[in-house]
C-alpha atoms as a PDB file:
ATOM      1  CA  MET A   1      37.556  81.299  30.061  1.00  0.00           C
ATOM      2  CA  ASN A   2      34.947  83.348  28.644  1.00  0.00           C
ATOM      3  CA  ASP A   3      32.454  82.757  31.379  1.00  0.00           C
ATOM      4  CA  GLU A   4      34.843  83.617  33.950  1.00  0.00           C
ATOM      5  CA  THR A   5      35.648  86.961  32.225  1.00  0.00           C
ATOM      6  CA  ASP A   6      31.948  87.589  32.020  1.00  0.00           C
ATOM      7  CA  PHE A   7      31.407  86.541  35.765  1.00  0.00           C
ATOM      8  CA  ALA A   8      34.453  88.999  36.673  1.00  0.00           C
ATOM      9  CA  LYS A   9      32.573  91.766  34.879  1.00  0.00           C
ATOM     10  CA  LYS A  10      29.457  91.212  36.657  1.00  0.00           C
ATOM     11  CA  LEU A  11      31.019  91.006  39.894  1.00  0.00           C
ATOM     12  CA  THR A  12      33.091  94.138  39.389  1.00  0.00           C
ATOM     13  CA  THR A  13      29.945  96.080  38.556  1.00  0.00           C
ATOM     14  CA  TYR A  14      28.218  94.993  41.511  1.00  0.00           C
ATOM     15  CA  LEU A  15      30.843  95.630  43.751  1.00  0.00           C
ATOM     16  CA  ASP A  16      31.549  99.174  42.142  1.00  0.00           C
ATOM     17  CA  CYS A  17      27.703  99.948  42.993  1.00  0.00           C
ATOM     18  CA  GLY A  18      28.504  99.055  46.678  1.00  0.00           C
ATOM     19  CA  THR A  19      31.439 101.534  46.890  1.00  0.00           C
ATOM     20  CA  ALA A  20      29.245 104.762  45.930  1.00  0.00           C
ATOM     21  CA  GLU A  21      28.713 105.572  49.218  1.00  0.00           C
ATOM     22  CA  LEU A  22      32.342 105.155  50.777  1.00  0.00           C
ATOM     23  CA  ARG A  23      34.630 107.965  51.700  1.00  0.00           C
ATOM     24  CA  ALA A  24      37.071 108.899  48.957  1.00  0.00           C
ATOM     25  CA  GLY A  25      40.017 107.682  51.270  1.00  0.00           C
ATOM     26  CA  THR A  26      38.392 104.466  51.824  1.00  0.00           C
ATOM     27  CA  ALA A  27      37.683 103.629  48.090  1.00  0.00           C
ATOM     28  CA  TYR A  28      41.220 104.568  47.089  1.00  0.00           C
ATOM     29  CA  ARG A  29      42.536 102.191  49.637  1.00  0.00           C
ATOM     30  CA  LEU A  30      39.993  99.456  48.109  1.00  0.00           C
ATOM     31  CA  GLN A  31      41.424 100.454  44.701  1.00  0.00           C
ATOM     32  CA  GLN A  32      44.970  99.942  45.405  1.00  0.00           C
ATOM     33  CA  ALA A  33      44.268  96.608  46.959  1.00  0.00           C
ATOM     34  CA  ARG A  34      42.102  95.520  43.924  1.00  0.00           C
ATOM     35  CA  SER A  35      45.114  96.478  41.639  1.00  0.00           C
ATOM     36  CA  GLN A  36      47.703  94.811  43.758  1.00  0.00           C
ATOM     37  CA  ALA A  37      45.402  91.471  43.682  1.00  0.00           C
ATOM     38  CA  LEU A  38      45.012  91.983  39.947  1.00  0.00           C
ATOM     39  CA  ALA A  39      48.770  92.027  39.787  1.00  0.00           C
ATOM     40  CA  ARG A  40      49.594  88.845  41.599  1.00  0.00           C
ATOM     41  CA  LEU A  41      46.790  87.174  39.725  1.00  0.00           C
ATOM     42  CA  SER A  42      48.995  87.284  36.466  1.00  0.00           C
ATOM     43  CA  GLN A  43      52.041  85.694  38.338  1.00  0.00           C
ATOM     44  CA  PRO A  44      51.852  82.069  38.576  1.00  0.00           C
ATOM     45  CA  LEU A  45      51.682  80.473  41.810  1.00  0.00           C
ATOM     46  CA  PRO A  46      54.640  77.943  43.000  1.00  0.00           C
ATOM     47  CA  ALA A  47      53.208  74.193  43.109  1.00  0.00           C
ATOM     48  CA  ARG A  48      53.046  74.191  46.831  1.00  0.00           C
ATOM     49  CA  GLU A  49      50.953  77.160  47.068  1.00  0.00           C
ATOM     50  CA  SER A  50      48.543  76.158  44.341  1.00  0.00           C
ATOM     51  CA  ARG A  51      47.896  72.881  46.242  1.00  0.00           C
ATOM     52  CA  LEU A  52      47.207  74.571  49.213  1.00  0.00           C
ATOM     53  CA  VAL A  53      44.688  77.064  47.547  1.00  0.00           C
ATOM     54  CA  HIS A  54      42.868  74.104  46.029  1.00  0.00           C
ATOM     55  CA  ALA A  55      42.926  72.161  49.227  1.00  0.00           C
ATOM     56  CA  LEU A  56      41.449  75.379  50.813  1.00  0.00           C
ATOM     57  CA  ALA A  57      38.955  75.702  48.345  1.00  0.00           C
ATOM     58  CA  GLY A  58      37.468  72.084  49.107  1.00  0.00           C
ATOM     59  CA  GLY A  59      39.609  70.061  46.430  1.00  0.00           C
ATOM     60  CA  SER A  60      41.796  67.281  47.215  1.00  0.00           C
ATOM     61  CA  THR A  61      45.704  67.566  47.119  1.00  0.00           C
ATOM     62  CA  ARG A  62      46.070  64.120  46.067  1.00  0.00           C
ATOM     63  CA  LYS A  63      45.354  63.161  42.515  1.00  0.00           C
ATOM     64  CA  THR A  64      42.976  60.287  43.103  1.00  0.00           C
ATOM     65  CA  GLY A  65      40.976  59.122  45.698  1.00  0.00           C
ATOM     66  CA  GLY A  66      40.023  62.135  47.696  1.00  0.00           C
ATOM     67  CA  SER A  67      36.279  62.282  47.087  1.00  0.00           C
ATOM     68  CA  TRP A  68      35.875  58.297  47.115  1.00  0.00           C
ATOM     69  CA  ARG A  69      37.477  58.311  50.948  1.00  0.00           C
ATOM     70  CA  ARG A  70      35.569  61.148  52.081  1.00  0.00           C
ATOM     71  CA  SER A  71      32.270  59.315  50.880  1.00  0.00           C
ATOM     72  CA  VAL A  72      33.466  56.145  52.368  1.00  0.00           C
ATOM     73  CA  GLY A  73      33.625  57.963  55.394  1.00  0.00           C
ATOM     74  CA  PHE A  74      30.482  59.479  55.506  1.00  0.00           C
ATOM     75  CA  GLY A  75      28.892  56.135  54.590  1.00  0.00           C
ATOM     76  CA  LEU A  76      30.648  54.650  57.756  1.00  0.00           C
ATOM     77  CA  CYS A  77      29.739  57.221  59.976  1.00  0.00           C
ATOM     78  CA  LEU A  78      25.972  56.690  58.844  1.00  0.00           C
ATOM     79  CA  VAL A  79      26.287  53.095  59.376  1.00  0.00           C
ATOM     80  CA  LEU A  80      27.770  53.553  62.975  1.00  0.00           C
ATOM     81  CA  LEU A  81      25.011  55.843  63.722  1.00  0.00           C
ATOM     82  CA  ALA A  82      22.414  53.471  62.536  1.00  0.00           C
ATOM     83  CA  ALA A  83      23.974  50.578  64.655  1.00  0.00           C
ATOM     84  CA  ALA A  84      24.109  53.045  67.511  1.00  0.00           C
ATOM     85  CA  VAL A  85      20.328  53.992  67.164  1.00  0.00           C
ATOM     86  CA  PHE A  86      19.296  50.241  66.768  1.00  0.00           C
ATOM     87  CA  GLY A  87      21.401  49.050  69.692  1.00  0.00           C
ATOM     88  CA  TYR A  88      19.883  51.864  72.099  1.00  0.00           C
ATOM     89  CA  GLN A  89      16.462  50.689  70.916  1.00  0.00           C
ATOM     90  CA  GLN A  90      17.098  47.154  71.699  1.00  0.00           C
ATOM     91  CA  TRP A  91      18.637  47.892  75.355  1.00  0.00           C
ATOM     92  CA  GLN A  92      15.601  49.932  75.731  1.00  0.00           C
ATOM     93  CA  PHE A  93      13.410  46.915  74.984  1.00  0.00           C
ATOM     94  CA  TYR A  94      15.534  44.726  77.100  1.00  0.00           C
ATOM     95  CA  GLN A  95      15.073  46.974  79.951  1.00  0.00           C
ATOM     96  CA  HIS A  96      11.401  47.271  79.837  1.00  0.00           C
ATOM     97  CA  THR A  97      11.171  43.394  79.700  1.00  0.00           C
ATOM     98  CA  ARG A  98      13.196  42.955  82.319  1.00  0.00           C
ATOM     99  CA  GLU A  99      10.829  45.378  84.622  1.00  0.00           C
ATOM    100  CA  ILE A 100       8.108  43.391  83.663  1.00  0.00           C
ATOM    101  CA  ALA A 101       9.674  40.284  84.598  1.00  0.00           C
ATOM    102  CA  ASP A 102      10.863  41.627  87.986  1.00  0.00           C
ATOM    103  CA  LEU A 103       7.387  43.034  88.747  1.00  0.00           C
ATOM    104  CA  ASP A 104       5.794  39.475  87.879  1.00  0.00           C
ATOM    105  CA  VAL A 105       8.098  37.856  90.045  1.00  0.00           C
ATOM    106  CA  GLN A 106       7.552  40.083  92.815  1.00  0.00           C
ATOM    107  CA  ILE A 107       3.694  39.767  92.510  1.00  0.00           C
ATOM    108  CA  LEU A 108       4.004  35.946  92.224  1.00  0.00           C
ATOM    109  CA  SER A 109       6.360  35.605  95.277  1.00  0.00           C
ATOM    110  CA  SER A 110       4.272  37.532  97.500  1.00  0.00           C
ATOM    111  CA  ASP A 111       1.955  36.346 100.172  1.00  0.00           C
ATOM    112  CA  LEU A 112      -1.214  37.501  98.697  1.00  0.00           C
ATOM    113  CA  PRO A 113      -4.251  34.869  98.691  1.00  0.00           C
ATOM    114  CA  ILE A 114      -5.658  33.637  95.325  1.00  0.00           C
ATOM    115  CA  ASP A 115      -8.760  35.830  95.831  1.00  0.00           C
ATOM    116  CA  ALA A 116      -6.574  38.853  95.508  1.00  0.00           C
ATOM    117  CA  TYR A 117      -5.374  37.965  92.006  1.00  0.00           C
ATOM    118  CA  LEU A 118      -9.086  37.483  90.975  1.00  0.00           C
ATOM    119  CA  ASP A 119     -10.470  40.652  92.320  1.00  0.00           C
ATOM    120  CA  ARG A 120     -10.996  43.364  89.581  1.00  0.00           C
ATOM    121  CA  GLY A 121      -9.580  46.171  91.781  1.00  0.00           C
ATOM    122  CA  PHE A 122      -6.386  44.256  91.561  1.00  0.00           C
ATOM    123  CA  GLN A 123      -6.564  43.979  87.767  1.00  0.00           C
ATOM    124  CA  SER A 124      -6.921  47.708  87.477  1.00  0.00           C
ATOM    125  CA  TRP A 125      -4.141  48.343  89.791  1.00  0.00           C
ATOM    126  CA  LEU A 126      -1.815  46.042  87.795  1.00  0.00           C
ATOM    127  CA  THR A 127      -2.593  48.237  84.478  1.00  0.00           C
ATOM    128  CA  ARG A 128      -2.155  51.418  86.466  1.00  0.00           C
ATOM    129  CA  TYR A 129       1.146  50.808  87.664  1.00  0.00           C
ATOM    130  CA  GLU A 130       2.293  48.560  84.822  1.00  0.00           C
ATOM    131  CA  PRO A 131       5.839  50.092  83.488  1.00  0.00           C
END
């Protein structure tokens, strides 16, 4: 509790320094809003509103299992992402292999004479146009 009081004092001092340049009417309205907020702070919140405030602040409204479920969900998302990246890589490899096989079939099924396959120019053409 003492840490919260010290933090509140430091915060109000910092905020007061920022209000030095404001007009008098604006400073008065801010003072009224601050006093209303402090008056509401001393009143206890109903159970429903306190759970809502806690949930909006990033906490779980359930007694147990909130952070565990969140970490499992995050882990599941990471596993699915890794599986998708691996699947895409495998699909790309399969496509590349299939293109090479199709090129080989086209070359071998053509009516080129054997001497064309032994020509150095043909070898350089193959390496230049290989997918």
